[in-house]
Amino acid sequence: MRAGVLRHRVDIEEFGVTLDSEGAQVEGWDSILDSDEPLLPAEIVALSGREFVAAQAVQAGVTTRITIRWRSDVKPSMRVVHDGDIYNIKAVLPDPKLRVHMTLMCETGVNDG
């Protein structure tokens, strides 16, 4: 996989429950990357867009393909964040033979995960 294609930098987050300083449970999204690990190089390509009416308001959704280097810890329950945009992962398509890259089929614009 050519490095020049991976020109975007993304973070991958997982929803979880943690304890705050007072011992109360707090739900939220946390990065799966280590604190000293930089953002992941990725390629983001918008594939299609759609509009629909929900709750008396027009909503817009965009199907997006995000390609990253292969990782074993990415699941469809996670989300990708790039420059404040949130991409909900719908499917993880690994490279089954070489384990060089993986494709994340995502949707954005419908909700914030």
C-alpha atoms as a PDB file:
ATOM      1  CA  MET A   1       0.000   0.000   0.000  1.00  0.00           C
ATOM      2  CA  ARG A   2       1.448   3.339  -1.058  1.00  0.00           C
ATOM      3  CA  ALA A   3       1.862   5.807   1.793  1.00  0.00           C
ATOM      4  CA  GLY A   4       0.929   8.797  -0.398  1.00  0.00           C
ATOM      5  CA  VAL A   5      -2.658   7.577  -0.656  1.00  0.00           C
ATOM      6  CA  LEU A   6      -3.041   7.708   3.145  1.00  0.00           C
ATOM      7  CA  ARG A   7      -3.089  11.499   3.385  1.00  0.00           C
ATOM      8  CA  HIS A   8      -5.744  11.923   6.090  1.00  0.00           C
ATOM      9  CA  ARG A   9      -5.100  11.499   9.832  1.00  0.00           C
ATOM     10  CA  VAL A  10      -7.853   9.805  11.833  1.00  0.00           C
ATOM     11  CA  ASP A  11      -8.609   8.588  15.333  1.00  0.00           C
ATOM     12  CA  ILE A  12     -10.644   5.462  16.116  1.00  0.00           C
ATOM     13  CA  GLU A  13     -12.907   5.572  19.155  1.00  0.00           C
ATOM     14  CA  GLU A  14     -14.782   2.922  21.120  1.00  0.00           C
ATOM     15  CA  PHE A  15     -17.865   3.489  23.292  1.00  0.00           C
ATOM     16  CA  GLY A  16     -17.385   2.480  26.882  1.00  0.00           C
ATOM     17  CA  VAL A  17     -18.056   3.120  30.531  1.00  0.00           C
ATOM     18  CA  THR A  18     -15.374   4.542  32.819  1.00  0.00           C
ATOM     19  CA  LEU A  19     -15.281   5.756  36.408  1.00  0.00           C
ATOM     20  CA  ASP A  20     -14.778   9.427  37.168  1.00  0.00           C
ATOM     21  CA  SER A  21     -12.803  10.784  40.142  1.00  0.00           C
ATOM     22  CA  GLU A  22     -15.837  10.380  42.431  1.00  0.00           C
ATOM     23  CA  GLY A  23     -16.464   6.754  41.420  1.00  0.00           C
ATOM     24  CA  ALA A  24     -19.534   7.438  39.279  1.00  0.00           C
ATOM     25  CA  GLN A  25     -19.899   5.659  35.947  1.00  0.00           C
ATOM     26  CA  VAL A  26     -19.484   7.868  32.887  1.00  0.00           C
ATOM     27  CA  GLU A  27     -20.416   6.712  29.378  1.00  0.00           C
ATOM     28  CA  GLY A  28     -18.503   8.095  26.436  1.00  0.00           C
ATOM     29  CA  TRP A  29     -16.206   7.577  23.479  1.00  0.00           C
ATOM     30  CA  ASP A  30     -12.512   6.886  24.096  1.00  0.00           C
ATOM     31  CA  SER A  31      -9.686   6.539  21.607  1.00  0.00           C
ATOM     32  CA  ILE A  32      -8.267   3.031  21.085  1.00  0.00           C
ATOM     33  CA  LEU A  33      -4.888   4.560  20.234  1.00  0.00           C
ATOM     34  CA  ASP A  34      -2.237   4.848  22.925  1.00  0.00           C
ATOM     35  CA  SER A  35      -1.702   8.366  24.255  1.00  0.00           C
ATOM     36  CA  ASP A  36       1.777   8.481  22.684  1.00  0.00           C
ATOM     37  CA  GLU A  37       0.564   6.993  19.369  1.00  0.00           C
ATOM     38  CA  PRO A  38      -0.045   9.564  16.610  1.00  0.00           C
ATOM     39  CA  LEU A  39      -3.246   9.666  14.584  1.00  0.00           C
ATOM     40  CA  LEU A  40      -3.579   6.915  11.984  1.00  0.00           C
ATOM     41  CA  PRO A  41      -2.868   7.595   8.307  1.00  0.00           C
ATOM     42  CA  ALA A  42      -5.974   6.893   6.220  1.00  0.00           C
ATOM     43  CA  GLU A  43      -7.660   7.437   2.885  1.00  0.00           C
ATOM     44  CA  ILE A  44     -11.220   8.803   3.062  1.00  0.00           C
ATOM     45  CA  VAL A  45     -13.435   8.526  -0.037  1.00  0.00           C
ATOM     46  CA  ALA A  46     -17.103   9.563  -0.129  1.00  0.00           C
ATOM     47  CA  LEU A  47     -19.029   6.967  -2.152  1.00  0.00           C
ATOM     48  CA  SER A  48     -22.653   8.137  -2.137  1.00  0.00           C
ATOM     49  CA  GLY A  49     -25.014  10.542  -0.441  1.00  0.00           C
ATOM     50  CA  ARG A  50     -28.704  10.451   0.381  1.00  0.00           C
ATOM     51  CA  GLU A  51     -31.373  12.590   1.959  1.00  0.00           C
ATOM     52  CA  PHE A  52     -34.441  11.453   3.861  1.00  0.00           C
ATOM     53  CA  VAL A  53     -37.088  12.867   6.163  1.00  0.00           C
ATOM     54  CA  ALA A  54     -36.977  11.755   9.783  1.00  0.00           C
ATOM     55  CA  ALA A  55     -38.710  13.367  12.760  1.00  0.00           C
ATOM     56  CA  GLN A  56     -40.058  16.165  10.575  1.00  0.00           C
ATOM     57  CA  ALA A  57     -36.558  17.235   9.517  1.00  0.00           C
ATOM     58  CA  VAL A  58     -34.449  16.547   6.461  1.00  0.00           C
ATOM     59  CA  GLN A  59     -31.432  14.394   7.273  1.00  0.00           C
ATOM     60  CA  ALA A  60     -28.454  13.781   5.014  1.00  0.00           C
ATOM     61  CA  GLY A  61     -26.184  10.753   5.118  1.00  0.00           C
ATOM     62  CA  VAL A  62     -22.982   9.981   3.241  1.00  0.00           C
ATOM     63  CA  THR A  63     -21.569   6.504   2.737  1.00  0.00           C
ATOM     64  CA  THR A  64     -17.798   6.637   3.015  1.00  0.00           C
ATOM     65  CA  ARG A  65     -14.930   4.213   2.482  1.00  0.00           C
ATOM     66  CA  ILE A  66     -11.964   4.655   4.831  1.00  0.00           C
ATOM     67  CA  THR A  67      -8.797   2.641   4.209  1.00  0.00           C
ATOM     68  CA  ILE A  68      -6.201   2.231   6.966  1.00  0.00           C
ATOM     69  CA  ARG A  69      -3.240  -0.046   7.546  1.00  0.00           C
ATOM     70  CA  TRP A  70      -4.214  -3.425   8.963  1.00  0.00           C
ATOM     71  CA  ARG A  71      -5.056  -3.574  12.673  1.00  0.00           C
ATOM     72  CA  SER A  72      -6.518  -6.419  14.685  1.00  0.00           C
ATOM     73  CA  ASP A  73      -8.485  -4.241  17.128  1.00  0.00           C
ATOM     74  CA  VAL A  74     -11.018  -2.437  14.880  1.00  0.00           C
ATOM     75  CA  LYS A  75     -14.699  -3.486  15.179  1.00  0.00           C
ATOM     76  CA  PRO A  76     -17.964  -2.312  13.573  1.00  0.00           C
ATOM     77  CA  SER A  77     -19.138  -0.934  16.939  1.00  0.00           C
ATOM     78  CA  MET A  78     -16.443   1.760  16.802  1.00  0.00           C
ATOM     79  CA  ARG A  79     -16.269   5.100  15.015  1.00  0.00           C
ATOM     80  CA  VAL A  80     -13.668   7.114  13.127  1.00  0.00           C
ATOM     81  CA  VAL A  81     -13.046  10.822  13.810  1.00  0.00           C
ATOM     82  CA  HIS A  82     -11.365  13.089  11.247  1.00  0.00           C
ATOM     83  CA  ASP A  83     -11.174  16.877  11.725  1.00  0.00           C
ATOM     84  CA  GLY A  84     -14.307  16.879  13.885  1.00  0.00           C
ATOM     85  CA  ASP A  85     -16.301  14.711  11.441  1.00  0.00           C
ATOM     86  CA  ILE A  86     -17.648  11.476  12.908  1.00  0.00           C
ATOM     87  CA  TYR A  87     -17.898   8.339  10.763  1.00  0.00           C
ATOM     88  CA  ASN A  88     -19.895   5.415  12.187  1.00  0.00           C
ATOM     89  CA  ILE A  89     -18.283   2.129  11.137  1.00  0.00           C
ATOM     90  CA  LYS A  90     -20.848  -0.165   9.490  1.00  0.00           C
ATOM     91  CA  ALA A  91     -18.488  -2.923   8.288  1.00  0.00           C
ATOM     92  CA  VAL A  92     -14.812  -3.859   8.586  1.00  0.00           C
ATOM     93  CA  LEU A  93     -13.408  -5.484   5.443  1.00  0.00           C
ATOM     94  CA  PRO A  94      -9.923  -6.890   6.132  1.00  0.00           C
ATOM     95  CA  ASP A  95      -7.353  -7.779   3.501  1.00  0.00           C
ATOM     96  CA  PRO A  96      -7.569 -11.552   4.101  1.00  0.00           C
ATOM     97  CA  LYS A  97      -4.369 -12.653   2.368  1.00  0.00           C
ATOM     98  CA  LEU A  98      -1.686 -10.093   3.046  1.00  0.00           C
ATOM     99  CA  ARG A  99      -2.985  -8.224   6.120  1.00  0.00           C
ATOM    100  CA  VAL A 100      -1.632  -5.008   4.657  1.00  0.00           C
ATOM    101  CA  HIS A 101      -4.740  -2.829   4.865  1.00  0.00           C
ATOM    102  CA  MET A 102      -8.385  -2.853   5.909  1.00  0.00           C
ATOM    103  CA  THR A 103     -11.391  -1.048   4.504  1.00  0.00           C
ATOM    104  CA  LEU A 104     -13.940   0.513   6.842  1.00  0.00           C
ATOM    105  CA  MET A 105     -17.376   1.096   5.333  1.00  0.00           C
ATOM    106  CA  CYS A 106     -18.777   4.063   7.230  1.00  0.00           C
ATOM    107  CA  GLU A 107     -21.709   6.458   7.335  1.00  0.00           C
ATOM    108  CA  THR A 108     -21.634  10.070   8.429  1.00  0.00           C
ATOM    109  CA  GLY A 109     -24.105  12.905   8.737  1.00  0.00           C
ATOM    110  CA  VAL A 110     -27.034  10.910  10.137  1.00  0.00           C
ATOM    111  CA  ASN A 111     -25.935  11.085  13.778  1.00  0.00           C
ATOM    112  CA  ASP A 112     -22.853  11.654  15.868  1.00  0.00           C
ATOM    113  CA  GLY A 113     -22.435   8.037  16.951  1.00  0.00           C
END
